[in-house]
Amino acid sequence: MNQFQYLADELEALVFEWEGKFKNLSENQIGILKNIQNRTIKHIVGHMIDSASNNTHRIIHLQYSESPLEFPNYATYGNNDRWIAIQNYENENWENMIALWKYIHLHLTHVIKNINPAKLDNEWMADKYEKVSLKKMVEDFPRHFKLHISEIEKLLKI
């Protein structure tokens, strides 16, 4: 069994649980309610899509590139908000977003299950003076995922 199987299983369960919840939300719930960062649920889900995409790329690069890997950290310096704006998640079709959110996270869990254990100590330059190992990055992803699910729960008051 892959050492990250438990993590992948946990993420998959959350994805299937929240796919159903997302499908039952109204336009007002997804587009009007805003968190302290002024993000709607559509913005948060879009950010989660971007995060899964970027993490997938980093995981792959970290398994064949020289360590430490220099790969842009899309989330620093407010760039994650630029990604949200440039992709215009606010006006994206909600059903398409749900499907993309679901499948990009399921693909990420597949990638996580197939990491070469010999590469877990390879590092990514997350910032000028911050290196993060592949192992630590993968282990931290569920925390980030749950943080955004928690933001959505607060907006929905559930």
C-alpha atoms as a PDB file:
ATOM      1  CA  MET A   1       0.000   0.000   0.000  1.00  0.00           C
ATOM      2  CA  ASN A   2       1.219   3.485  -0.860  1.00  0.00           C
ATOM      3  CA  GLN A   3       2.179   5.531   2.193  1.00  0.00           C
ATOM      4  CA  PHE A   4      -0.253   8.250   1.121  1.00  0.00           C
ATOM      5  CA  GLN A   5      -3.224   5.930   0.529  1.00  0.00           C
ATOM      6  CA  TYR A   6      -4.949   7.120   3.726  1.00  0.00           C
ATOM      7  CA  LEU A   7      -4.545  10.725   2.611  1.00  0.00           C
ATOM      8  CA  ALA A   8      -5.880  10.005  -0.875  1.00  0.00           C
ATOM      9  CA  ASP A   9      -8.836   8.090   0.570  1.00  0.00           C
ATOM     10  CA  GLU A  10      -9.676  10.981   2.901  1.00  0.00           C
ATOM     11  CA  LEU A  11      -9.544  13.513   0.060  1.00  0.00           C
ATOM     12  CA  GLU A  12     -11.640  11.325  -2.221  1.00  0.00           C
ATOM     13  CA  ALA A  13     -14.317  10.944   0.458  1.00  0.00           C
ATOM     14  CA  LEU A  14     -14.444  14.725   0.939  1.00  0.00           C
ATOM     15  CA  VAL A  15     -14.648  15.301  -2.818  1.00  0.00           C
ATOM     16  CA  PHE A  16     -17.648  12.985  -3.200  1.00  0.00           C
ATOM     17  CA  GLU A  17     -19.333  14.446  -0.117  1.00  0.00           C
ATOM     18  CA  TRP A  18     -18.895  18.041  -1.279  1.00  0.00           C
ATOM     19  CA  GLU A  19     -19.757  17.372  -4.907  1.00  0.00           C
ATOM     20  CA  GLY A  20     -23.308  16.649  -3.760  1.00  0.00           C
ATOM     21  CA  LYS A  21     -23.400  19.656  -1.464  1.00  0.00           C
ATOM     22  CA  PHE A  22     -22.133  21.966  -4.221  1.00  0.00           C
ATOM     23  CA  LYS A  23     -24.812  20.727  -6.629  1.00  0.00           C
ATOM     24  CA  ASN A  24     -27.517  21.782  -4.169  1.00  0.00           C
ATOM     25  CA  LEU A  25     -26.344  25.371  -3.722  1.00  0.00           C
ATOM     26  CA  SER A  26     -28.289  28.281  -5.162  1.00  0.00           C
ATOM     27  CA  GLU A  27     -26.899  31.054  -7.364  1.00  0.00           C
ATOM     28  CA  ASN A  28     -27.209  33.433  -4.406  1.00  0.00           C
ATOM     29  CA  GLN A  29     -25.224  31.111  -2.156  1.00  0.00           C
ATOM     30  CA  ILE A  30     -22.371  30.604  -4.616  1.00  0.00           C
ATOM     31  CA  GLY A  31     -22.148  34.126  -5.975  1.00  0.00           C
ATOM     32  CA  ILE A  32     -23.167  36.582  -3.276  1.00  0.00           C
ATOM     33  CA  LEU A  33     -21.928  35.324   0.108  1.00  0.00           C
ATOM     34  CA  LYS A  34     -18.361  36.541   0.708  1.00  0.00           C
ATOM     35  CA  ASN A  35     -15.652  35.596   3.191  1.00  0.00           C
ATOM     36  CA  ILE A  36     -13.168  37.947   4.864  1.00  0.00           C
ATOM     37  CA  GLN A  37     -10.992  37.846   1.727  1.00  0.00           C
ATOM     38  CA  ASN A  38     -13.987  39.073  -0.294  1.00  0.00           C
ATOM     39  CA  ARG A  39     -14.253  35.697  -2.043  1.00  0.00           C
ATOM     40  CA  THR A  40     -17.498  34.039  -3.003  1.00  0.00           C
ATOM     41  CA  ILE A  41     -17.964  30.281  -2.908  1.00  0.00           C
ATOM     42  CA  LYS A  42     -17.282  30.260  -6.664  1.00  0.00           C
ATOM     43  CA  HIS A  43     -13.996  32.084  -6.025  1.00  0.00           C
ATOM     44  CA  ILE A  44     -13.023  29.624  -3.273  1.00  0.00           C
ATOM     45  CA  VAL A  45     -13.839  26.610  -5.439  1.00  0.00           C
ATOM     46  CA  GLY A  46     -11.893  28.188  -8.306  1.00  0.00           C
ATOM     47  CA  HIS A  47      -8.926  28.717  -5.996  1.00  0.00           C
ATOM     48  CA  MET A  48      -9.154  25.064  -4.932  1.00  0.00           C
ATOM     49  CA  ILE A  49      -9.058  24.038  -8.606  1.00  0.00           C
ATOM     50  CA  ASP A  50      -5.964  26.188  -9.136  1.00  0.00           C
ATOM     51  CA  SER A  51      -4.326  24.763  -6.024  1.00  0.00           C
ATOM     52  CA  ALA A  52      -4.924  21.164  -7.117  1.00  0.00           C
ATOM     53  CA  SER A  53      -3.592  21.949 -10.586  1.00  0.00           C
ATOM     54  CA  ASN A  54      -0.464  23.665  -9.291  1.00  0.00           C
ATOM     55  CA  ASN A  55       0.190  20.940  -6.731  1.00  0.00           C
ATOM     56  CA  THR A  56      -0.160  18.253  -9.394  1.00  0.00           C
ATOM     57  CA  HIS A  57       2.450  20.008 -11.506  1.00  0.00           C
ATOM     58  CA  ARG A  58       4.819  20.462  -8.565  1.00  0.00           C
ATOM     59  CA  ILE A  59       4.486  16.799  -7.540  1.00  0.00           C
ATOM     60  CA  ILE A  60       5.346  15.690 -11.062  1.00  0.00           C
ATOM     61  CA  HIS A  61       8.236  18.149 -11.490  1.00  0.00           C
ATOM     62  CA  LEU A  62       9.659  17.172  -8.099  1.00  0.00           C
ATOM     63  CA  GLN A  63      10.006  13.576  -9.276  1.00  0.00           C
ATOM     64  CA  TYR A  64      12.239  14.291 -12.266  1.00  0.00           C
ATOM     65  CA  SER A  65      13.764  17.750 -11.832  1.00  0.00           C
ATOM     66  CA  GLU A  66      16.886  18.744  -9.970  1.00  0.00           C
ATOM     67  CA  SER A  67      16.269  19.503  -6.299  1.00  0.00           C
ATOM     68  CA  PRO A  68      15.584  22.122  -5.098  1.00  0.00           C
ATOM     69  CA  LEU A  69      13.004  22.788  -7.765  1.00  0.00           C
ATOM     70  CA  GLU A  70      12.369  26.362  -8.812  1.00  0.00           C
ATOM     71  CA  PHE A  71       8.695  26.479  -9.789  1.00  0.00           C
ATOM     72  CA  PRO A  72       6.446  29.523  -9.397  1.00  0.00           C
ATOM     73  CA  ASN A  73       4.410  29.744  -6.236  1.00  0.00           C
ATOM     74  CA  TYR A  74       1.186  31.001  -7.744  1.00  0.00           C
ATOM     75  CA  ALA A  75      -0.298  31.790  -4.321  1.00  0.00           C
ATOM     76  CA  THR A  76       2.254  34.324  -3.095  1.00  0.00           C
ATOM     77  CA  TYR A  77       2.006  38.078  -3.322  1.00  0.00           C
ATOM     78  CA  GLY A  78      -1.730  37.985  -4.073  1.00  0.00           C
ATOM     79  CA  ASN A  79      -1.262  36.056  -7.280  1.00  0.00           C
ATOM     80  CA  ASN A  80      -3.930  33.517  -6.350  1.00  0.00           C
ATOM     81  CA  ASP A  81      -6.479  36.340  -6.528  1.00  0.00           C
ATOM     82  CA  ARG A  82      -5.107  37.265  -9.948  1.00  0.00           C
ATOM     83  CA  TRP A  83      -5.652  33.671 -11.066  1.00  0.00           C
ATOM     84  CA  ILE A  84      -9.253  33.843  -9.829  1.00  0.00           C
ATOM     85  CA  ALA A  85      -9.857  37.145 -11.647  1.00  0.00           C
ATOM     86  CA  ILE A  86      -8.099  36.258 -14.907  1.00  0.00           C
ATOM     87  CA  GLN A  87     -10.048  33.009 -15.193  1.00  0.00           C
ATOM     88  CA  ASN A  88     -13.260  34.874 -14.350  1.00  0.00           C
ATOM     89  CA  TYR A  89     -14.536  32.153 -12.048  1.00  0.00           C
ATOM     90  CA  GLU A  90     -17.311  34.511 -11.029  1.00  0.00           C
ATOM     91  CA  ASN A  91     -18.962  33.987 -14.420  1.00  0.00           C
ATOM     92  CA  GLU A  92     -17.957  30.358 -14.978  1.00  0.00           C
ATOM     93  CA  ASN A  93     -20.713  27.787 -15.353  1.00  0.00           C
ATOM     94  CA  TRP A  94     -21.217  26.300 -11.858  1.00  0.00           C
ATOM     95  CA  GLU A  95     -21.858  22.745 -13.076  1.00  0.00           C
ATOM     96  CA  ASN A  96     -18.637  22.858 -15.096  1.00  0.00           C
ATOM     97  CA  MET A  97     -16.750  24.185 -12.075  1.00  0.00           C
ATOM     98  CA  ILE A  98     -18.077  21.398  -9.870  1.00  0.00           C
ATOM     99  CA  ALA A  99     -17.023  18.782 -12.423  1.00  0.00           C
ATOM    100  CA  LEU A 100     -13.570  20.309 -12.862  1.00  0.00           C
ATOM    101  CA  TRP A 101     -13.141  20.630  -9.071  1.00  0.00           C
ATOM    102  CA  LYS A 102     -14.136  17.001  -8.618  1.00  0.00           C
ATOM    103  CA  TYR A 103     -11.990  15.510 -11.348  1.00  0.00           C
ATOM    104  CA  ILE A 104      -8.887  17.611 -10.774  1.00  0.00           C
ATOM    105  CA  HIS A 105      -8.893  16.525  -7.125  1.00  0.00           C
ATOM    106  CA  LEU A 106      -9.509  12.884  -8.046  1.00  0.00           C
ATOM    107  CA  HIS A 107      -6.608  13.092 -10.489  1.00  0.00           C
ATOM    108  CA  LEU A 108      -4.426  14.659  -7.794  1.00  0.00           C
ATOM    109  CA  THR A 109      -5.212  11.742  -5.467  1.00  0.00           C
ATOM    110  CA  HIS A 110      -4.213   9.354  -8.276  1.00  0.00           C
ATOM    111  CA  VAL A 111      -0.912  11.221  -8.703  1.00  0.00           C
ATOM    112  CA  ILE A 112      -0.334  11.167  -4.933  1.00  0.00           C
ATOM    113  CA  LYS A 113      -0.875   7.396  -4.838  1.00  0.00           C
ATOM    114  CA  ASN A 114       1.796   6.972  -7.505  1.00  0.00           C
ATOM    115  CA  ILE A 115       4.606   9.087  -6.060  1.00  0.00           C
ATOM    116  CA  ASN A 116       8.026   7.502  -6.217  1.00  0.00           C
ATOM    117  CA  PRO A 117       9.002   7.096  -2.536  1.00  0.00           C
ATOM    118  CA  ALA A 118      12.666   7.691  -3.444  1.00  0.00           C
ATOM    119  CA  LYS A 119      11.754  11.286  -4.405  1.00  0.00           C
ATOM    120  CA  LEU A 120       9.984  12.334  -1.170  1.00  0.00           C
ATOM    121  CA  ASP A 121      12.961  14.342   0.091  1.00  0.00           C
ATOM    122  CA  ASN A 122      13.205  16.397  -3.126  1.00  0.00           C
ATOM    123  CA  GLU A 123      12.521  20.038  -2.361  1.00  0.00           C
ATOM    124  CA  TRP A 124      10.609  22.877  -3.932  1.00  0.00           C
ATOM    125  CA  MET A 125      11.646  26.503  -3.457  1.00  0.00           C
ATOM    126  CA  ALA A 126       8.328  27.817  -2.109  1.00  0.00           C
ATOM    127  CA  ASP A 127       9.845  31.250  -1.522  1.00  0.00           C
ATOM    128  CA  LYS A 128      13.288  32.835  -1.610  1.00  0.00           C
ATOM    129  CA  TYR A 129      14.333  31.267   1.711  1.00  0.00           C
ATOM    130  CA  GLU A 130      11.763  28.488   2.090  1.00  0.00           C
ATOM    131  CA  LYS A 131      12.215  24.937   0.852  1.00  0.00           C
ATOM    132  CA  VAL A 132       9.416  22.380   1.140  1.00  0.00           C
ATOM    133  CA  SER A 133       9.953  18.661   0.630  1.00  0.00           C
ATOM    134  CA  LEU A 134       7.655  16.694  -1.631  1.00  0.00           C
ATOM    135  CA  LYS A 135       6.598  14.634   1.389  1.00  0.00           C
ATOM    136  CA  LYS A 136       5.706  17.699   3.458  1.00  0.00           C
ATOM    137  CA  MET A 137       3.879  19.309   0.534  1.00  0.00           C
ATOM    138  CA  VAL A 138       1.700  16.227   0.009  1.00  0.00           C
ATOM    139  CA  GLU A 139       1.042  15.791   3.723  1.00  0.00           C
ATOM    140  CA  ASP A 140      -0.036  19.439   3.984  1.00  0.00           C
ATOM    141  CA  PHE A 141      -2.480  19.405   1.071  1.00  0.00           C
ATOM    142  CA  PRO A 142      -5.455  18.017   3.084  1.00  0.00           C
ATOM    143  CA  ARG A 143      -5.048  20.854   5.619  1.00  0.00           C
ATOM    144  CA  HIS A 144      -5.276  23.412   2.820  1.00  0.00           C
ATOM    145  CA  PHE A 145      -8.258  21.614   1.259  1.00  0.00           C
ATOM    146  CA  LYS A 146     -10.106  21.475   4.605  1.00  0.00           C
ATOM    147  CA  LEU A 147      -9.310  25.132   5.309  1.00  0.00           C
ATOM    148  CA  HIS A 148     -11.255  26.143   2.213  1.00  0.00           C
ATOM    149  CA  ILE A 149     -14.075  23.694   2.906  1.00  0.00           C
ATOM    150  CA  SER A 150     -14.304  25.280   6.361  1.00  0.00           C
ATOM    151  CA  GLU A 151     -14.542  28.746   4.775  1.00  0.00           C
ATOM    152  CA  ILE A 152     -17.436  27.506   2.652  1.00  0.00           C
ATOM    153  CA  GLU A 153     -19.144  25.958   5.677  1.00  0.00           C
ATOM    154  CA  LYS A 154     -18.895  29.279   7.510  1.00  0.00           C
ATOM    155  CA  LEU A 155     -20.443  31.117   4.586  1.00  0.00           C
ATOM    156  CA  LEU A 156     -23.272  28.574   4.463  1.00  0.00           C
ATOM    157  CA  LYS A 157     -23.530  28.511   8.272  1.00  0.00           C
ATOM    158  CA  ILE A 158     -23.327  24.697   8.410  1.00  0.00           C
END
